Amino acid sequence: MTVSQEILQQGLRKTLDGTDFSGLGVKYGGKVRDNYTTKDGQRILVVTDRISVFDHVVGTLPYKGQVLNALAAWWFDETKTIAPNHVIRVPDANVLIGEECEPLKAEMIVRAYVTGNTSTSIWTHYEKGARTFCGHRLPDGLKKHQQLEQPILTPSTKADHGDHDVSASREELIASGAVSARDFDAAAEYALALFRHGQKVCAERGLILVDTKYEFGRNKKGEIIVIDEIHTADSSRFWLAESYAEAFASGSDPKSFDKDYVRRWLGAQGYKGDGPSPVIPDDVRVEAAARYIQACDTIRGEPFVPNTEDPLPRIKRALGL
């Protein structure tokens, strides 16, 4: 890994847990990003170091926001000929400026393996006996972490702040009025094409893109475009390819480079999203940050170099505040 343990330890003392830039625009605080809508039709996304697990913010990781922003910007550029996206520019390590869009009220989740531990995961439903998931019929006899015959689209509702997303089929989402058939199908086509390309890129780098989430919005021209982030360790699950066969055969978890590491640690403490979360110890935070960085390095093919300045004054300078 390119970032030393010493630098990660030092980064624990100045994580970016939130912003409040009055005058920048109308603020909407997501689980990880602080979003500001400007008068000229732009959205300024400040990617914090917050980590969200089980739909709750459970703490911060050193340099996580910078890693997410760097990797998302890389993927947006890599895939701009496959699906249009909202990126205008990246003025700071923690900031991306994009087009202001009206978000679709559905998230496009693509899965290639039967895995996961959350309430919306395919394995949670399958283990309980369900054989239909988001409109897809699943065969009997599947094991945890088993590869599907082909990737499937398993959308979910886009919950309001504080609520939980709910997995749903195309027909259910359209019938509920959450999204039109035309918008759903446009987003679904983009999502599957992006996932196929993501799988190819990751495979070339010794990683498995297991599953991922895409968000879409409608811009002022009426176009459906990709927003938020793409193929990061927050929105995606990555396994080390060389660890998969042995792990699957033994019924253990493949080595991951995503927030599953934190999710499993919290689960071992008995936390599944109800009530206050346990305090995550520094060694777990550092290890989680190292995994995010390793995924970023591996995918981009270049070392992630963190900006170690205090983030708030640096971001204010970049935005002219």
Protein backbone atom coordinates (compact mmCIF):
# COMPACT_ATOMS: atom_id res chain seq x y z
CA MET A 1 0.00 0.00 0.00
CA THR A 2 1.23 3.48 -0.84
CA VAL A 3 0.16 5.33 2.33
CA SER A 4 2.08 4.51 5.49
CA GLN A 5 0.50 3.46 8.76
CA GLU A 6 2.06 6.55 10.32
CA ILE A 7 0.25 8.90 7.94
CA LEU A 8 -3.03 7.04 8.47
CA GLN A 9 -2.59 7.29 12.22
CA GLN A 10 -1.94 11.01 11.92
CA GLY A 11 -5.01 11.35 9.72
CA LEU A 12 -7.22 10.05 12.52
CA ARG A 13 -6.81 13.41 14.25
CA LYS A 14 -8.19 15.51 11.41
CA THR A 15 -10.91 13.61 9.65
CA LEU A 16 -13.60 15.61 7.87
CA ASP A 17 -16.82 14.76 9.65
CA GLY A 18 -18.95 17.54 8.17
CA THR A 19 -19.18 21.01 6.67
CA ASP A 20 -21.36 24.08 7.08
CA PHE A 21 -20.49 26.55 4.35
CA SER A 22 -23.13 29.24 4.72
CA GLY A 23 -23.63 31.19 1.54
CA LEU A 24 -22.36 28.43 -0.73
CA GLY A 25 -25.86 27.27 -1.60
CA VAL A 26 -28.79 25.29 -0.30
CA LYS A 27 -27.38 22.42 1.75
CA TYR A 28 -28.52 18.83 1.80
CA GLY A 29 -26.58 16.48 4.05
CA GLY A 30 -26.37 12.89 2.87
CA LYS A 31 -24.83 10.00 4.77
CA VAL A 32 -21.37 10.69 3.34
CA ARG A 33 -21.63 13.77 1.11
CA ASP A 34 -22.59 17.32 2.02
CA ASN A 35 -24.36 18.68 -1.05
CA TYR A 36 -24.77 22.36 -1.88
CA THR A 37 -27.05 23.53 -4.69
CA THR A 38 -25.92 26.83 -6.18
CA LYS A 39 -28.00 29.52 -7.86
CA ASP A 40 -26.36 28.85 -11.22
CA GLY A 41 -27.54 25.23 -11.39
CA GLN A 42 -24.54 23.39 -10.03
CA ARG A 43 -24.25 20.91 -7.21
CA ILE A 44 -21.14 21.02 -5.05
CA LEU A 45 -20.50 17.64 -3.45
CA VAL A 46 -18.15 17.70 -0.47
CA VAL A 47 -17.13 14.11 0.20
CA THR A 48 -16.58 13.75 3.94
CA ASP A 49 -14.76 11.01 5.83
CA ARG A 50 -18.01 9.69 7.31
CA ILE A 51 -18.69 5.98 6.92
CA SER A 52 -22.26 4.70 6.72
CA VAL A 53 -23.08 1.10 7.58
CA PHE A 54 -26.55 -0.43 7.98
CA ASP A 55 -27.93 2.96 6.82
CA HIS A 56 -26.32 4.77 9.77
CA VAL A 57 -23.22 6.93 10.03
CA VAL A 58 -20.96 5.05 12.45
CA GLY A 59 -17.81 7.20 12.47
CA THR A 60 -15.04 8.48 10.19
CA LEU A 61 -12.03 6.97 8.43
CA PRO A 62 -8.83 8.90 7.68
CA TYR A 63 -8.72 10.23 4.09
CA LYS A 64 -11.79 8.22 3.10
CA GLY A 65 -13.43 11.21 1.41
CA GLN A 66 -10.36 11.90 -0.68
CA VAL A 67 -10.14 8.26 -1.74
CA LEU A 68 -13.82 8.13 -2.73
CA ASN A 69 -13.58 11.39 -4.66
CA ALA A 70 -10.42 10.35 -6.49
CA LEU A 71 -11.80 6.96 -7.48
CA ALA A 72 -15.24 8.29 -8.48
CA ALA A 73 -13.64 10.99 -10.63
CA TRP A 74 -11.45 8.33 -12.30
CA TRP A 75 -14.42 6.09 -13.06
CA PHE A 76 -16.58 8.98 -14.29
CA ASP A 77 -13.87 9.84 -16.80
CA GLU A 78 -13.30 6.19 -17.68
CA THR A 79 -17.00 5.58 -18.43
CA LYS A 80 -18.14 8.90 -19.92
CA THR A 81 -18.57 7.31 -23.36
CA ILE A 82 -20.72 4.53 -21.87
CA ALA A 83 -23.07 6.69 -19.82
CA PRO A 84 -23.25 10.49 -19.47
CA ASN A 85 -22.54 11.79 -15.98
CA HIS A 86 -22.84 14.96 -13.94
CA VAL A 87 -19.16 15.92 -13.51
CA ILE A 88 -18.12 19.49 -14.28
CA ARG A 89 -14.82 19.69 -12.41
CA VAL A 90 -12.93 18.49 -9.33
CA PRO A 91 -11.50 21.58 -7.58
CA ASP A 92 -10.28 19.85 -4.40
CA ALA A 93 -9.38 16.41 -3.11
CA ASN A 94 -12.71 16.25 -1.25
CA VAL A 95 -14.89 18.17 -3.71
CA LEU A 96 -16.65 17.38 -6.97
CA ILE A 97 -18.82 19.92 -8.80
CA GLY A 98 -21.55 18.53 -10.99
CA GLU A 99 -24.75 19.44 -12.77
CA GLU A 100 -27.76 19.90 -10.54
CA CYS A 101 -30.22 17.13 -11.38
CA GLU A 102 -33.55 15.81 -10.20
CA PRO A 103 -32.62 12.42 -8.72
CA LEU A 104 -34.60 9.37 -9.78
CA LYS A 105 -36.44 7.85 -6.82
CA ALA A 106 -34.88 4.47 -7.46
CA GLU A 107 -31.34 3.16 -7.12
CA MET A 108 -29.99 0.73 -9.68
CA ILE A 109 -28.15 -2.12 -7.97
CA VAL A 110 -26.40 -4.72 -10.11
CA ARG A 111 -25.32 -8.01 -8.55
CA ALA A 112 -23.15 -10.79 -9.94
CA TYR A 113 -22.90 -12.94 -6.77
CA VAL A 114 -25.27 -14.18 -4.07
CA THR A 115 -23.82 -12.40 -1.07
CA GLY A 116 -24.34 -9.66 1.51
CA ASN A 117 -25.42 -9.22 5.10
CA THR A 118 -27.83 -6.29 5.12
CA SER A 119 -31.63 -6.36 5.01
CA THR A 120 -31.57 -5.50 1.29
CA SER A 121 -28.92 -8.06 0.30
CA ILE A 122 -29.77 -10.95 -1.97
CA TRP A 123 -28.20 -13.53 0.37
CA THR A 124 -30.28 -12.36 3.36
CA HIS A 125 -33.47 -13.01 1.38
CA TYR A 126 -32.23 -16.26 -0.15
CA GLU A 127 -31.10 -17.68 3.20
CA LYS A 128 -34.60 -17.06 4.58
CA GLY A 129 -36.08 -19.16 1.80
CA ALA A 130 -37.00 -16.54 -0.79
CA ARG A 131 -36.47 -17.73 -4.36
CA THR A 132 -37.63 -14.57 -6.11
CA PHE A 133 -35.67 -11.36 -5.62
CA CYS A 134 -36.63 -8.10 -7.32
CA GLY A 135 -38.51 -10.08 -9.97
CA HIS A 136 -35.68 -12.56 -10.63
CA ARG A 137 -36.27 -16.27 -10.08
CA LEU A 138 -33.36 -17.90 -8.24
CA PRO A 139 -32.58 -21.63 -8.35
CA ASP A 140 -32.41 -23.83 -5.27
CA GLY A 141 -29.04 -24.91 -3.91
CA LEU A 142 -27.12 -21.66 -4.16
CA LYS A 143 -24.42 -21.04 -1.56
CA LYS A 144 -23.26 -17.77 -0.06
CA HIS A 145 -20.83 -15.91 -2.36
CA GLN A 146 -21.79 -18.08 -5.36
CA GLN A 147 -21.60 -16.43 -8.77
CA LEU A 148 -24.88 -15.98 -10.64
CA GLU A 149 -25.18 -17.15 -14.23
CA GLN A 150 -25.21 -13.50 -15.25
CA PRO A 151 -25.43 -10.15 -13.45
CA ILE A 152 -28.95 -9.12 -12.48
CA LEU A 153 -30.51 -5.73 -11.82
CA THR A 154 -32.05 -5.56 -8.33
CA PRO A 155 -33.26 -1.99 -7.83
CA SER A 156 -34.33 -0.42 -4.58
CA THR A 157 -36.31 2.56 -3.45
CA LYS A 158 -34.28 5.67 -2.70
CA ALA A 159 -35.32 6.28 0.88
CA ASP A 160 -35.72 9.69 2.45
CA HIS A 161 -33.02 10.75 4.90
CA GLY A 162 -33.12 8.47 7.95
CA ASP A 163 -35.25 5.77 6.33
CA HIS A 164 -34.16 2.43 4.89
CA ASP A 165 -34.02 1.52 1.21
CA VAL A 166 -36.33 -1.32 0.16
CA SER A 167 -35.55 -3.77 -2.63
CA ALA A 168 -38.20 -3.83 -5.35
CA SER A 169 -38.80 -5.08 -8.87
CA ARG A 170 -39.11 -2.90 -11.95
CA GLU A 171 -42.86 -3.47 -11.99
CA GLU A 172 -43.25 -2.53 -8.32
CA LEU A 173 -41.27 0.67 -8.66
CA ILE A 174 -43.20 1.77 -11.74
CA ALA A 175 -46.57 0.86 -10.19
CA SER A 176 -45.73 2.87 -7.07
CA GLY A 177 -45.10 5.97 -9.15
CA ALA A 178 -41.49 6.22 -7.96
CA VAL A 179 -40.17 6.22 -11.52
CA SER A 180 -41.58 6.05 -15.05
CA ALA A 181 -41.02 3.05 -17.27
CA ARG A 182 -39.02 5.15 -19.74
CA ASP A 183 -36.71 6.56 -17.06
CA PHE A 184 -36.29 3.18 -15.38
CA ASP A 185 -35.35 1.45 -18.62
CA ALA A 186 -32.89 4.16 -19.61
CA ALA A 187 -31.17 4.00 -16.22
CA ALA A 188 -31.22 0.18 -16.23
CA GLU A 189 -29.53 0.03 -19.64
CA TYR A 190 -26.80 2.39 -18.49
CA ALA A 191 -26.36 0.49 -15.21
CA LEU A 192 -25.84 -2.89 -16.85
CA ALA A 193 -23.42 -1.43 -19.41
CA LEU A 194 -21.43 0.32 -16.67
CA PHE A 195 -21.30 -2.87 -14.62
CA ARG A 196 -20.03 -4.94 -17.54
CA HIS A 197 -17.25 -2.43 -18.14
CA GLY A 198 -16.48 -2.26 -14.41
CA GLN A 199 -16.19 -6.04 -14.24
CA LYS A 200 -13.76 -6.03 -17.18
CA VAL A 201 -11.55 -3.30 -15.73
CA CYS A 202 -11.48 -4.89 -12.27
CA ALA A 203 -10.73 -8.36 -13.65
CA GLU A 204 -7.72 -6.96 -15.50
CA ARG A 205 -6.46 -5.70 -12.13
CA GLY A 206 -7.02 -8.88 -10.11
CA LEU A 207 -10.28 -7.76 -8.52
CA ILE A 208 -13.86 -9.01 -8.70
CA LEU A 209 -16.59 -6.36 -8.94
CA VAL A 210 -19.19 -8.26 -6.94
CA ASP A 211 -22.06 -5.78 -6.91
CA THR A 212 -22.59 -2.05 -7.03
CA LYS A 213 -25.13 0.74 -6.76
CA TYR A 214 -25.75 3.50 -9.31
CA GLU A 215 -27.76 6.66 -8.86
CA PHE A 216 -29.27 8.58 -11.74
CA GLY A 217 -30.84 11.98 -12.21
CA ARG A 218 -32.50 14.09 -14.88
CA ASN A 219 -30.57 17.20 -15.88
CA LYS A 220 -32.00 20.46 -17.22
CA LYS A 221 -31.90 19.08 -20.77
CA GLY A 222 -34.14 16.20 -19.69
CA GLU A 223 -31.36 13.62 -20.02
CA ILE A 224 -30.91 10.72 -17.62
CA ILE A 225 -27.31 10.84 -16.36
CA VAL A 226 -25.19 9.18 -13.66
CA ILE A 227 -24.83 11.19 -10.45
CA ASP A 228 -23.26 10.87 -6.98
CA GLU A 229 -20.46 8.28 -7.36
CA ILE A 230 -19.51 5.21 -9.32
CA HIS A 231 -17.58 2.00 -8.51
CA THR A 232 -16.15 3.22 -5.21
CA ALA A 233 -15.58 1.13 -2.09
CA ASP A 234 -18.72 2.75 -0.62
CA SER A 235 -21.05 1.94 -3.50
CA SER A 236 -19.47 -1.35 -4.56
CA ARG A 237 -18.19 -4.63 -3.23
CA PHE A 238 -14.71 -5.70 -4.38
CA TRP A 239 -13.04 -9.06 -3.72
CA LEU A 240 -9.44 -10.05 -4.37
CA ALA A 241 -9.81 -12.47 -7.28
CA GLU A 242 -7.10 -14.85 -6.12
CA SER A 243 -8.83 -15.26 -2.73
CA TYR A 244 -12.24 -16.20 -4.12
CA ALA A 245 -12.00 -19.90 -5.03
CA GLU A 246 -10.51 -21.02 -1.73
CA ALA A 247 -12.84 -18.82 0.32
CA PHE A 248 -15.92 -20.07 -1.52
CA ALA A 249 -14.88 -23.69 -1.14
CA SER A 250 -14.33 -23.28 2.59
CA GLY A 251 -17.43 -21.18 3.20
CA SER A 252 -15.43 -18.17 4.34
CA ASP A 253 -15.45 -14.57 3.13
CA PRO A 254 -13.17 -13.59 0.24
CA LYS A 255 -10.76 -10.76 1.01
CA SER A 256 -12.62 -7.52 0.45
CA PHE A 257 -11.64 -3.94 -0.29
CA ASP A 258 -14.77 -2.10 0.75
CA LYS A 259 -16.81 -1.21 3.82
CA ASP A 260 -17.75 -4.85 4.37
CA TYR A 261 -14.72 -4.98 6.68
CA VAL A 262 -16.34 -2.41 8.99
CA ARG A 263 -19.76 -3.99 8.56
CA ARG A 264 -18.41 -7.38 9.65
CA TRP A 265 -16.61 -5.84 12.64
CA LEU A 266 -19.81 -4.13 13.80
CA GLY A 267 -21.77 -7.33 13.24
CA ALA A 268 -19.30 -9.21 15.45
CA GLN A 269 -20.12 -6.71 18.19
CA GLY A 270 -23.81 -7.52 17.78
CA TYR A 271 -24.68 -4.30 15.93
CA LYS A 272 -27.04 -4.55 12.96
CA GLY A 273 -28.19 -0.95 12.74
CA ASP A 274 -30.46 -0.69 15.77
CA GLY A 275 -29.60 1.81 18.49
CA PRO A 276 -26.27 3.57 18.96
CA SER A 277 -23.34 1.95 17.17
CA PRO A 278 -20.25 0.79 19.05
CA VAL A 279 -17.25 3.11 18.91
CA ILE A 280 -14.95 1.82 16.20
CA PRO A 281 -11.38 1.50 17.57
CA ASP A 282 -8.56 3.30 15.81
CA ASP A 283 -6.88 0.13 14.56
CA VAL A 284 -10.08 -0.92 12.78
CA ARG A 285 -10.47 2.58 11.29
CA VAL A 286 -6.89 2.52 10.01
CA GLU A 287 -7.26 -0.97 8.52
CA ALA A 288 -10.52 0.03 6.84
CA ALA A 289 -8.88 3.14 5.38
CA ALA A 290 -5.97 1.03 4.12
CA ARG A 291 -8.41 -1.24 2.27
CA TYR A 292 -10.14 1.72 0.63
CA ILE A 293 -6.75 3.02 -0.49
CA GLN A 294 -5.63 -0.37 -1.80
CA ALA A 295 -8.77 -0.65 -3.93
CA CYS A 296 -8.17 2.86 -5.28
CA ASP A 297 -4.52 2.14 -6.08
CA THR A 298 -5.31 -1.17 -7.74
CA ILE A 299 -8.11 0.13 -9.94
CA ARG A 300 -6.49 3.38 -11.03
CA GLY A 301 -3.06 1.85 -11.46
CA GLU A 302 -1.41 4.75 -9.67
CA PRO A 303 -0.71 5.53 -6.00
CA PHE A 304 -3.20 7.53 -3.98
CA VAL A 305 -1.40 10.47 -2.38
CA PRO A 306 -3.45 12.09 0.40
CA ASN A 307 -3.54 15.81 0.97
CA THR A 308 -2.59 16.02 4.66
CA GLU A 309 -3.59 19.66 5.19
CA ASP A 310 -6.45 20.43 7.54
CA PRO A 311 -9.43 19.81 5.27
CA LEU A 312 -11.84 22.63 6.13
CA PRO A 313 -9.54 25.63 5.44
CA ARG A 314 -8.18 23.88 2.33
CA ILE A 315 -11.66 23.27 0.93
CA LYS A 316 -12.71 26.86 1.66
CA ARG A 317 -9.74 28.12 -0.33
CA ALA A 318 -10.54 25.84 -3.24
CA LEU A 319 -14.14 27.08 -3.33
CA GLY A 320 -13.20 30.74 -2.85
CA LEU A 321 -14.94 31.03 0.51
